[in-house]
Amino acid sequence: MIGRSILALMLALPAAAAMAQTTQPAPSETPAAQAPTPQAPDPQAPSQSNAPAKVGLSLAEFQARREKALMKADTDGDGKISLAEWSAFQTKRNAKTDPAKSFVRLDTNKDGFLDKAELDAFFAKRFARLDANKDGALAREELPGHKSAAKPAQ
């Protein structure tokens, strides 16, 4: 009885070792398999193995976050923010500046409404001003309100 168990064990070991070898990635594949990839690589794109990965918030992400926050002011859901909506939103946020002045500054086409294009243009300028190292991404240190962010001159 013990002889059969030992024989079965001896026959099973090589099979288990072969299975372990086929399921483990090769050492050259290990870093790529463990690294998270935000999107599928483009097979026609040039190799980016030497390019440093951007860490931080991109312009598109910055604009999307800010726009999402500001579009909460659009209480009637028409896709535009009127002066009345803006004033109510700024009052609710306890804004320090005069809502009418900031509205006039943001309403670049002077139609009496803030739309997506005006907000995107404003946030692109703000992004460029915040991106101190001009790498196209906002690191934590560059974001306003972060404890290591540079304080504006007074």
N, C-alpha and C. Protein backbone atom coordinates (compact mmCIF):
# COMPACT_ATOMS: atom_id res chain seq x y z
N MET A 1 0.82 -1.19 0.00
CA MET A 1 0.00 0.00 0.00
C MET A 1 0.87 1.25 0.00
N ILE A 2 1.90 1.28 0.87
CA ILE A 2 2.80 2.43 0.95
C ILE A 2 3.59 2.53 -0.34
N GLY A 3 3.92 1.44 -0.94
CA GLY A 3 4.67 1.44 -2.19
C GLY A 3 3.89 2.10 -3.31
N ARG A 4 2.59 1.85 -3.37
CA ARG A 4 1.76 2.45 -4.41
C ARG A 4 1.65 3.96 -4.20
N SER A 5 1.55 4.40 -2.94
CA SER A 5 1.45 5.84 -2.64
C SER A 5 2.73 6.56 -3.04
N ILE A 6 3.85 5.92 -2.76
CA ILE A 6 5.13 6.53 -3.12
C ILE A 6 5.27 6.59 -4.64
N LEU A 7 4.84 5.54 -5.32
CA LEU A 7 4.91 5.52 -6.77
C LEU A 7 4.03 6.62 -7.37
N ALA A 8 2.83 6.79 -6.83
CA ALA A 8 1.91 7.82 -7.33
C ALA A 8 2.50 9.20 -7.09
N LEU A 9 3.11 9.39 -5.95
CA LEU A 9 3.73 10.68 -5.61
C LEU A 9 4.90 10.97 -6.54
N MET A 10 5.68 9.98 -6.83
CA MET A 10 6.84 10.17 -7.69
C MET A 10 6.41 10.49 -9.13
N LEU A 11 5.29 9.93 -9.57
CA LEU A 11 4.79 10.21 -10.91
C LEU A 11 4.13 11.60 -10.97
N ALA A 12 3.56 12.04 -9.86
CA ALA A 12 2.86 13.32 -9.83
C ALA A 12 3.83 14.50 -9.76
N LEU A 13 4.97 14.35 -9.13
CA LEU A 13 5.93 15.45 -8.97
C LEU A 13 6.41 16.03 -10.29
N PRO A 14 6.84 15.24 -11.26
CA PRO A 14 7.27 15.85 -12.53
C PRO A 14 6.13 16.59 -13.24
N ALA A 15 4.91 16.06 -13.15
CA ALA A 15 3.78 16.71 -13.79
C ALA A 15 3.51 18.06 -13.11
N ALA A 16 3.58 18.10 -11.79
CA ALA A 16 3.36 19.35 -11.06
C ALA A 16 4.46 20.36 -11.39
N ALA A 17 5.68 19.91 -11.50
CA ALA A 17 6.78 20.81 -11.84
C ALA A 17 6.61 21.37 -13.25
N ALA A 18 6.15 20.55 -14.18
CA ALA A 18 5.93 21.02 -15.55
C ALA A 18 4.82 22.05 -15.58
N MET A 19 3.76 21.84 -14.82
CA MET A 19 2.66 22.81 -14.78
C MET A 19 3.13 24.12 -14.16
N ALA A 20 3.95 24.06 -13.12
CA ALA A 20 4.44 25.27 -12.47
C ALA A 20 5.31 26.09 -13.43
N GLN A 21 6.06 25.43 -14.26
CA GLN A 21 6.91 26.13 -15.20
C GLN A 21 6.11 26.81 -16.30
N THR A 22 5.00 26.24 -16.70
CA THR A 22 4.22 26.84 -17.77
C THR A 22 3.34 27.97 -17.28
N THR A 23 2.99 28.05 -16.00
CA THR A 23 2.11 29.10 -15.51
C THR A 23 2.87 30.31 -15.00
N GLN A 24 4.16 30.17 -14.72
CA GLN A 24 4.94 31.30 -14.24
C GLN A 24 5.50 32.07 -15.43
N PRO A 25 5.44 33.44 -15.39
CA PRO A 25 6.02 34.21 -16.49
C PRO A 25 7.53 34.12 -16.47
N ALA A 26 8.10 34.29 -17.64
CA ALA A 26 9.56 34.30 -17.75
C ALA A 26 10.10 35.51 -17.01
N PRO A 27 11.34 35.45 -16.48
CA PRO A 27 11.89 36.58 -15.73
C PRO A 27 11.88 37.89 -16.50
N SER A 28 12.04 37.86 -17.82
CA SER A 28 12.03 39.09 -18.60
C SER A 28 10.63 39.68 -18.69
N GLU A 29 9.59 38.88 -18.46
CA GLU A 29 8.22 39.36 -18.54
C GLU A 29 7.69 39.84 -17.18
N THR A 30 8.35 39.53 -16.11
CA THR A 30 7.84 39.82 -14.79
C THR A 30 7.56 41.30 -14.55
N PRO A 31 8.47 42.26 -14.83
CA PRO A 31 8.16 43.66 -14.56
C PRO A 31 6.97 44.16 -15.36
N ALA A 32 6.85 43.76 -16.62
CA ALA A 32 5.74 44.22 -17.43
C ALA A 32 4.43 43.64 -16.94
N ALA A 33 4.46 42.40 -16.46
CA ALA A 33 3.23 41.78 -15.99
C ALA A 33 2.76 42.40 -14.69
N GLN A 34 3.68 42.87 -13.86
CA GLN A 34 3.30 43.45 -12.58
C GLN A 34 2.98 44.93 -12.68
N ALA A 35 3.48 45.62 -13.67
CA ALA A 35 3.25 47.06 -13.79
C ALA A 35 1.83 47.31 -14.28
N PRO A 36 1.09 48.19 -13.60
CA PRO A 36 -0.26 48.50 -14.08
C PRO A 36 -0.21 49.34 -15.35
N THR A 37 -1.04 48.99 -16.30
CA THR A 37 -1.09 49.74 -17.55
C THR A 37 -2.45 50.40 -17.65
N PRO A 38 -2.51 51.73 -17.73
CA PRO A 38 -3.78 52.42 -17.79
C PRO A 38 -4.55 52.19 -19.07
N GLN A 39 -3.86 51.91 -20.18
CA GLN A 39 -4.52 51.65 -21.44
C GLN A 39 -3.67 50.70 -22.25
N ALA A 40 -4.29 50.05 -23.20
CA ALA A 40 -3.57 49.09 -24.03
C ALA A 40 -2.53 49.82 -24.88
N PRO A 41 -1.33 49.26 -25.00
CA PRO A 41 -0.31 49.92 -25.81
C PRO A 41 -0.67 49.87 -27.28
N ASP A 42 -0.30 50.92 -27.97
CA ASP A 42 -0.54 51.02 -29.40
C ASP A 42 0.60 50.30 -30.11
N PRO A 43 0.30 49.24 -30.89
CA PRO A 43 1.38 48.50 -31.52
C PRO A 43 2.16 49.31 -32.54
N GLN A 44 1.58 50.39 -33.08
CA GLN A 44 2.29 51.20 -34.06
C GLN A 44 3.02 52.37 -33.43
N ALA A 45 2.85 52.57 -32.13
CA ALA A 45 3.53 53.67 -31.44
C ALA A 45 4.99 53.30 -31.23
N PRO A 46 5.88 54.29 -31.24
CA PRO A 46 7.29 53.99 -31.01
C PRO A 46 7.49 53.52 -29.57
N SER A 47 8.54 52.76 -29.37
CA SER A 47 8.82 52.23 -28.05
C SER A 47 9.07 53.36 -27.06
N GLN A 48 8.45 53.25 -25.88
CA GLN A 48 8.59 54.30 -24.87
C GLN A 48 9.32 53.77 -23.64
N SER A 49 10.17 52.77 -23.83
CA SER A 49 10.86 52.18 -22.69
C SER A 49 11.83 53.17 -22.03
N ASN A 50 12.36 54.12 -22.79
CA ASN A 50 13.29 55.09 -22.24
C ASN A 50 12.60 56.35 -21.73
N ALA A 51 11.35 56.57 -22.11
CA ALA A 51 10.63 57.78 -21.71
C ALA A 51 10.10 57.61 -20.29
N PRO A 52 10.29 58.63 -19.44
CA PRO A 52 9.77 58.53 -18.08
C PRO A 52 8.25 58.64 -18.10
N ALA A 53 7.60 57.88 -17.23
CA ALA A 53 6.15 57.92 -17.15
C ALA A 53 5.73 59.21 -16.44
N LYS A 54 4.69 59.85 -16.97
CA LYS A 54 4.17 61.06 -16.34
C LYS A 54 3.38 60.67 -15.11
N VAL A 55 3.71 61.30 -14.03
CA VAL A 55 3.01 61.05 -12.78
C VAL A 55 2.29 62.33 -12.41
N GLY A 56 1.01 62.25 -12.25
CA GLY A 56 0.24 63.42 -11.87
C GLY A 56 -1.01 63.55 -12.70
N LEU A 57 -1.59 64.72 -12.63
CA LEU A 57 -2.86 65.01 -13.26
C LEU A 57 -2.62 65.66 -14.62
N SER A 58 -3.16 65.07 -15.69
CA SER A 58 -3.00 65.64 -17.02
C SER A 58 -3.96 66.82 -17.18
N LEU A 59 -3.77 67.58 -18.25
CA LEU A 59 -4.66 68.71 -18.53
C LEU A 59 -6.10 68.24 -18.69
N ALA A 60 -6.31 67.15 -19.44
CA ALA A 60 -7.67 66.64 -19.66
C ALA A 60 -8.32 66.23 -18.34
N GLU A 61 -7.55 65.56 -17.48
CA GLU A 61 -8.09 65.15 -16.18
C GLU A 61 -8.39 66.37 -15.31
N PHE A 62 -7.50 67.34 -15.33
CA PHE A 62 -7.69 68.58 -14.56
C PHE A 62 -8.96 69.29 -15.02
N GLN A 63 -9.12 69.45 -16.35
CA GLN A 63 -10.29 70.12 -16.89
C GLN A 63 -11.57 69.36 -16.54
N ALA A 64 -11.54 68.04 -16.67
CA ALA A 64 -12.73 67.24 -16.39
C ALA A 64 -13.15 67.36 -14.92
N ARG A 65 -12.18 67.31 -14.01
CA ARG A 65 -12.50 67.43 -12.58
C ARG A 65 -13.07 68.79 -12.25
N ARG A 66 -12.42 69.83 -12.73
CA ARG A 66 -12.88 71.20 -12.43
C ARG A 66 -14.23 71.48 -13.08
N GLU A 67 -14.38 71.01 -14.31
CA GLU A 67 -15.65 71.25 -15.01
C GLU A 67 -16.79 70.52 -14.29
N LYS A 68 -16.54 69.31 -13.84
CA LYS A 68 -17.56 68.55 -13.11
C LYS A 68 -17.98 69.30 -11.85
N ALA A 69 -17.01 69.86 -11.16
CA ALA A 69 -17.32 70.61 -9.94
C ALA A 69 -18.10 71.88 -10.25
N LEU A 70 -17.67 72.61 -11.28
CA LEU A 70 -18.34 73.87 -11.59
C LEU A 70 -19.70 73.69 -12.25
N MET A 71 -19.88 72.60 -12.96
CA MET A 71 -21.18 72.40 -13.61
C MET A 71 -22.27 72.07 -12.60
N LYS A 72 -21.92 71.88 -11.34
CA LYS A 72 -22.94 71.74 -10.30
C LYS A 72 -23.69 73.06 -10.15
N ALA A 73 -23.10 74.14 -10.61
CA ALA A 73 -23.76 75.44 -10.57
C ALA A 73 -24.88 75.51 -11.60
N ASP A 74 -24.84 74.66 -12.62
CA ASP A 74 -25.86 74.65 -13.67
C ASP A 74 -27.12 73.96 -13.15
N THR A 75 -27.90 74.69 -12.36
CA THR A 75 -29.06 74.10 -11.70
C THR A 75 -30.20 73.80 -12.65
N ASP A 76 -30.29 74.49 -13.78
CA ASP A 76 -31.39 74.21 -14.71
C ASP A 76 -31.02 73.16 -15.76
N GLY A 77 -29.76 72.71 -15.76
CA GLY A 77 -29.32 71.61 -16.62
C GLY A 77 -29.25 71.94 -18.10
N ASP A 78 -29.10 73.20 -18.46
CA ASP A 78 -29.04 73.56 -19.89
C ASP A 78 -27.62 73.53 -20.45
N GLY A 79 -26.64 73.16 -19.63
CA GLY A 79 -25.26 73.07 -20.10
C GLY A 79 -24.51 74.38 -20.03
N LYS A 80 -25.17 75.43 -19.53
CA LYS A 80 -24.54 76.75 -19.39
C LYS A 80 -24.83 77.26 -17.98
N ILE A 81 -23.96 78.13 -17.50
CA ILE A 81 -24.13 78.71 -16.17
C ILE A 81 -24.43 80.20 -16.33
N SER A 82 -25.58 80.61 -15.82
CA SER A 82 -25.96 82.02 -15.88
C SER A 82 -25.34 82.76 -14.69
N LEU A 83 -25.42 84.07 -14.72
CA LEU A 83 -24.89 84.88 -13.62
C LEU A 83 -25.61 84.54 -12.32
N ALA A 84 -26.92 84.36 -12.38
CA ALA A 84 -27.69 84.02 -11.17
C ALA A 84 -27.25 82.67 -10.61
N GLU A 85 -27.04 81.67 -11.49
CA GLU A 85 -26.58 80.35 -11.04
C GLU A 85 -25.17 80.45 -10.45
N TRP A 86 -24.33 81.23 -11.12
CA TRP A 86 -22.96 81.41 -10.65
C TRP A 86 -22.93 82.08 -9.28
N SER A 87 -23.72 83.13 -9.11
CA SER A 87 -23.76 83.85 -7.84
C SER A 87 -24.24 82.94 -6.71
N ALA A 88 -25.29 82.15 -6.96
CA ALA A 88 -25.79 81.22 -5.94
C ALA A 88 -24.74 80.16 -5.61
N PHE A 89 -24.06 79.66 -6.62
CA PHE A 89 -23.02 78.64 -6.42
C PHE A 89 -21.86 79.20 -5.60
N GLN A 90 -21.41 80.41 -5.94
CA GLN A 90 -20.29 81.02 -5.23
C GLN A 90 -20.68 81.36 -3.79
N THR A 91 -21.91 81.78 -3.57
CA THR A 91 -22.38 82.07 -2.21
C THR A 91 -22.40 80.79 -1.39
N LYS A 92 -22.87 79.70 -1.98
CA LYS A 92 -22.92 78.41 -1.29
C LYS A 92 -21.52 77.93 -0.93
N ARG A 93 -20.54 78.22 -1.78
CA ARG A 93 -19.14 77.82 -1.54
C ARG A 93 -18.40 78.78 -0.62
N ASN A 94 -19.05 79.87 -0.21
CA ASN A 94 -18.41 80.90 0.62
C ASN A 94 -17.18 81.49 -0.08
N ALA A 95 -17.32 81.77 -1.36
CA ALA A 95 -16.22 82.33 -2.14
C ALA A 95 -15.85 83.71 -1.61
N LYS A 96 -14.57 84.00 -1.64
CA LYS A 96 -14.07 85.28 -1.12
C LYS A 96 -14.20 86.42 -2.13
N THR A 97 -14.27 86.08 -3.40
CA THR A 97 -14.33 87.12 -4.44
C THR A 97 -15.78 87.42 -4.80
N ASP A 98 -15.98 88.57 -5.43
CA ASP A 98 -17.30 88.98 -5.89
C ASP A 98 -17.71 88.08 -7.06
N PRO A 99 -18.84 87.37 -6.95
CA PRO A 99 -19.25 86.46 -8.03
C PRO A 99 -19.45 87.17 -9.37
N ALA A 100 -19.95 88.39 -9.36
CA ALA A 100 -20.17 89.11 -10.62
C ALA A 100 -18.84 89.39 -11.32
N LYS A 101 -17.82 89.77 -10.56
CA LYS A 101 -16.52 90.06 -11.16
C LYS A 101 -15.89 88.80 -11.76
N SER A 102 -15.95 87.70 -11.01
CA SER A 102 -15.36 86.47 -11.53
C SER A 102 -16.15 85.96 -12.74
N PHE A 103 -17.46 86.15 -12.74
CA PHE A 103 -18.28 85.74 -13.88
C PHE A 103 -17.89 86.52 -15.13
N VAL A 104 -17.74 87.83 -15.00
CA VAL A 104 -17.35 88.67 -16.15
C VAL A 104 -15.98 88.24 -16.68
N ARG A 105 -15.06 87.91 -15.78
CA ARG A 105 -13.73 87.48 -16.19
C ARG A 105 -13.78 86.15 -16.95
N LEU A 106 -14.66 85.23 -16.53
CA LEU A 106 -14.77 83.92 -17.17
C LEU A 106 -15.60 83.94 -18.46
N ASP A 107 -16.55 84.85 -18.56
CA ASP A 107 -17.44 84.93 -19.72
C ASP A 107 -16.74 85.67 -20.86
N THR A 108 -15.84 84.98 -21.52
CA THR A 108 -14.99 85.63 -22.52
C THR A 108 -15.74 86.03 -23.78
N ASN A 109 -16.82 85.33 -24.13
CA ASN A 109 -17.56 85.70 -25.33
C ASN A 109 -18.70 86.68 -25.02
N LYS A 110 -18.82 87.05 -23.77
CA LYS A 110 -19.78 88.08 -23.32
C LYS A 110 -21.23 87.79 -23.72
N ASP A 111 -21.62 86.49 -23.68
CA ASP A 111 -23.00 86.15 -24.00
C ASP A 111 -23.88 86.03 -22.75
N GLY A 112 -23.30 86.25 -21.58
CA GLY A 112 -24.06 86.18 -20.34
C GLY A 112 -24.16 84.78 -19.75
N PHE A 113 -23.40 83.84 -20.31
CA PHE A 113 -23.38 82.46 -19.81
C PHE A 113 -21.95 81.92 -19.83
N LEU A 114 -21.68 81.00 -18.93
CA LEU A 114 -20.41 80.27 -18.96
C LEU A 114 -20.70 78.91 -19.57
N ASP A 115 -19.96 78.57 -20.64
CA ASP A 115 -20.15 77.27 -21.27
C ASP A 115 -18.88 76.45 -21.18
N LYS A 116 -18.93 75.24 -21.70
CA LYS A 116 -17.80 74.31 -21.61
C LYS A 116 -16.54 74.88 -22.25
N ALA A 117 -16.67 75.53 -23.38
CA ALA A 117 -15.49 76.07 -24.08
C ALA A 117 -14.81 77.14 -23.23
N GLU A 118 -15.58 78.00 -22.60
CA GLU A 118 -15.00 79.05 -21.76
C GLU A 118 -14.33 78.45 -20.53
N LEU A 119 -14.96 77.44 -19.94
CA LEU A 119 -14.36 76.78 -18.77
C LEU A 119 -13.08 76.05 -19.16
N ASP A 120 -13.11 75.36 -20.31
CA ASP A 120 -11.90 74.65 -20.76
C ASP A 120 -10.74 75.61 -21.00
N ALA A 121 -11.02 76.75 -21.61
CA ALA A 121 -9.97 77.74 -21.86
C ALA A 121 -9.42 78.29 -20.54
N PHE A 122 -10.30 78.57 -19.60
CA PHE A 122 -9.87 79.07 -18.30
C PHE A 122 -9.00 78.04 -17.59
N PHE A 123 -9.45 76.78 -17.60
CA PHE A 123 -8.69 75.74 -16.90
C PHE A 123 -7.37 75.42 -17.60
N ALA A 124 -7.31 75.56 -18.90
CA ALA A 124 -6.04 75.36 -19.61
C ALA A 124 -5.03 76.42 -19.18
N LYS A 125 -5.47 77.67 -19.04
CA LYS A 125 -4.57 78.73 -18.57
C LYS A 125 -4.13 78.47 -17.13
N ARG A 126 -5.09 78.07 -16.31
CA ARG A 126 -4.77 77.80 -14.90
C ARG A 126 -3.81 76.62 -14.79
N PHE A 127 -4.04 75.58 -15.58
CA PHE A 127 -3.16 74.41 -15.59
C PHE A 127 -1.73 74.82 -15.94
N ALA A 128 -1.60 75.64 -16.99
CA ALA A 128 -0.28 76.09 -17.43
C ALA A 128 0.42 76.89 -16.33
N ARG A 129 -0.34 77.69 -15.60
CA ARG A 129 0.23 78.47 -14.51
C ARG A 129 0.66 77.58 -13.34
N LEU A 130 -0.12 76.54 -13.05
CA LEU A 130 0.20 75.65 -11.94
C LEU A 130 1.32 74.67 -12.25
N ASP A 131 1.47 74.30 -13.52
CA ASP A 131 2.47 73.31 -13.93
C ASP A 131 3.85 73.95 -13.91
N ALA A 132 4.42 74.05 -12.73
CA ALA A 132 5.68 74.77 -12.53
C ALA A 132 6.84 74.19 -13.33
N ASN A 133 6.92 72.87 -13.43
CA ASN A 133 8.04 72.26 -14.15
C ASN A 133 7.73 72.02 -15.63
N LYS A 134 6.55 72.41 -16.07
CA LYS A 134 6.16 72.35 -17.50
C LYS A 134 6.30 70.96 -18.10
N ASP A 135 5.95 69.91 -17.32
CA ASP A 135 6.03 68.55 -17.83
C ASP A 135 4.70 68.04 -18.36
N GLY A 136 3.67 68.87 -18.34
CA GLY A 136 2.37 68.47 -18.86
C GLY A 136 1.52 67.68 -17.88
N ALA A 137 1.96 67.62 -16.63
CA ALA A 137 1.21 66.93 -15.58
C ALA A 137 1.38 67.69 -14.27
N LEU A 138 0.32 67.73 -13.49
CA LEU A 138 0.39 68.39 -12.19
C LEU A 138 0.70 67.36 -11.12
N ALA A 139 1.85 67.49 -10.51
CA ALA A 139 2.20 66.63 -9.38
C ALA A 139 1.47 67.16 -8.15
N ARG A 140 1.42 66.36 -7.10
CA ARG A 140 0.75 66.78 -5.86
C ARG A 140 1.29 68.12 -5.36
N GLU A 141 2.59 68.29 -5.48
CA GLU A 141 3.21 69.51 -4.97
C GLU A 141 2.76 70.74 -5.74
N GLU A 142 2.32 70.56 -6.98
CA GLU A 142 1.92 71.69 -7.81
C GLU A 142 0.45 72.05 -7.63
N LEU A 143 -0.32 71.15 -7.05
CA LEU A 143 -1.75 71.40 -6.88
C LEU A 143 -1.99 72.41 -5.76
N PRO A 144 -2.91 73.36 -5.98
CA PRO A 144 -3.20 74.33 -4.91
C PRO A 144 -3.83 73.61 -3.73
N GLY A 145 -3.46 74.03 -2.55
CA GLY A 145 -4.00 73.43 -1.35
C GLY A 145 -3.18 72.28 -0.81
N HIS A 146 -2.25 71.75 -1.59
CA HIS A 146 -1.39 70.67 -1.09
C HIS A 146 -0.38 71.25 -0.13
N LYS A 147 -0.07 70.52 0.91
CA LYS A 147 0.81 71.06 1.96
C LYS A 147 2.20 71.43 1.45
N SER A 148 2.66 70.82 0.38
CA SER A 148 3.98 71.18 -0.16
C SER A 148 3.88 72.13 -1.35
N ALA A 149 2.67 72.58 -1.68
CA ALA A 149 2.51 73.50 -2.81
C ALA A 149 3.12 74.85 -2.46
N ALA A 150 3.67 75.50 -3.48
CA ALA A 150 4.24 76.83 -3.27
C ALA A 150 3.12 77.80 -2.95
N LYS A 151 3.34 78.65 -1.98
CA LYS A 151 2.35 79.65 -1.58
C LYS A 151 2.46 80.84 -2.51
N PRO A 152 1.31 81.41 -2.94
CA PRO A 152 1.37 82.58 -3.81
C PRO A 152 1.97 83.77 -3.08
N ALA A 153 2.70 84.60 -3.83
CA ALA A 153 3.32 85.79 -3.24
C ALA A 153 2.23 86.79 -2.86
N GLN A 154 2.44 87.47 -1.70
CA GLN A 154 1.43 88.41 -1.25
C GLN A 154 1.94 89.80 -1.20
